[in-house]
Amino acid sequence: MEKSVNAIMPGLCARVVVAEGDQVSKGQEVAVINCMKTEIQVNSEYDGVVTKVISKEWDEMQVGDPMVMLEVEE
């Protein structure tokens, strides 16, 4: 099943720290959002494998925007 890791606050995508094919664990940092000169970690809510990186550096993000897609097992 595919799940997305979403932006938790509005701002700019400072960086994505995972790549397609990477294994991620629940709670692992997958991206960073820059909001008002503060960097906020975006952590995975799931264990899984990155299938697609949607966000790129300097993309404008809104709350709930998908940043990374994961293949997770149920």
Protein backbone atom coordinates (compact mmCIF):
# COMPACT_ATOMS: atom_id res chain seq x y z
CA MET A 1 0.00 0.00 0.00
CA GLU A 2 1.28 3.46 -0.86
CA LYS A 3 1.27 6.20 1.79
CA SER A 4 2.50 9.78 1.66
CA VAL A 5 4.60 11.76 4.11
CA ASN A 6 3.05 15.22 4.16
CA ALA A 7 4.18 18.72 5.04
CA ILE A 8 3.35 19.53 8.66
CA MET A 9 3.44 23.30 8.24
CA PRO A 10 3.60 25.88 5.45
CA GLY A 11 6.99 27.02 4.19
CA LEU A 12 9.71 26.15 1.70
CA CYS A 13 11.18 22.70 1.26
CA ALA A 14 14.74 23.21 2.48
CA ARG A 15 15.83 19.68 1.55
CA VAL A 16 14.72 16.08 1.15
CA VAL A 17 17.09 13.72 2.95
CA VAL A 18 15.92 10.43 1.39
CA ALA A 19 16.07 9.09 -2.15
CA GLU A 20 13.92 6.67 -4.13
CA GLY A 21 14.61 3.12 -2.99
CA ASP A 22 15.68 4.11 0.54
CA GLN A 23 14.29 2.13 3.48
CA VAL A 24 12.81 4.43 6.14
CA SER A 25 11.64 3.74 9.67
CA LYS A 26 8.77 5.29 11.57
CA GLY A 27 10.01 8.55 13.10
CA GLN A 28 12.93 8.94 10.67
CA GLU A 29 13.53 12.38 9.16
CA VAL A 30 12.68 12.43 5.45
CA ALA A 31 12.61 16.17 4.70
CA VAL A 32 13.08 19.62 6.20
CA ILE A 33 10.77 22.62 5.82
CA ASN A 34 12.04 26.19 6.28
CA CYS A 35 9.38 28.35 7.91
CA MET A 36 10.22 31.90 8.99
CA LYS A 37 13.97 31.11 9.08
CA THR A 38 13.35 28.04 11.26
CA GLU A 39 14.03 24.52 10.01
CA ILE A 40 11.34 21.98 10.89
CA GLN A 41 11.92 18.24 10.49
CA VAL A 42 9.33 16.19 8.65
CA ASN A 43 9.38 12.61 9.96
CA SER A 44 7.86 9.48 8.49
CA GLU A 45 4.77 8.08 10.19
CA TYR A 46 5.44 4.67 8.63
CA ASP A 47 8.08 2.00 8.04
CA GLY A 48 8.53 1.55 4.31
CA VAL A 49 10.49 2.08 1.11
CA VAL A 50 10.59 5.44 -0.70
CA THR A 51 8.87 5.03 -4.08
CA LYS A 52 8.79 8.68 -5.14
CA VAL A 53 10.27 11.97 -3.98
CA ILE A 54 7.69 14.64 -4.82
CA SER A 55 9.19 17.77 -3.25
CA LYS A 56 12.30 19.52 -4.45
CA GLU A 57 14.43 22.15 -2.78
CA TRP A 58 12.64 25.54 -2.62
CA ASP A 59 9.20 24.12 -3.45
CA GLU A 60 6.51 26.05 -1.58
CA MET A 61 4.64 23.74 0.78
CA GLN A 62 1.24 23.99 2.44
CA VAL A 63 0.04 21.86 5.36
CA GLY A 64 -0.83 18.40 4.05
CA ASP A 65 1.07 18.63 0.75
CA PRO A 66 2.66 15.25 -0.03
CA MET A 67 6.47 15.38 0.03
CA VAL A 68 7.51 11.71 -0.25
CA MET A 69 5.63 8.54 -1.21
CA LEU A 70 6.32 5.27 0.62
CA GLU A 71 5.42 1.65 -0.07
CA VAL A 72 4.33 0.24 3.29
CA GLU A 73 3.23 -3.22 4.35
CA GLU A 74 -0.03 -3.64 6.21
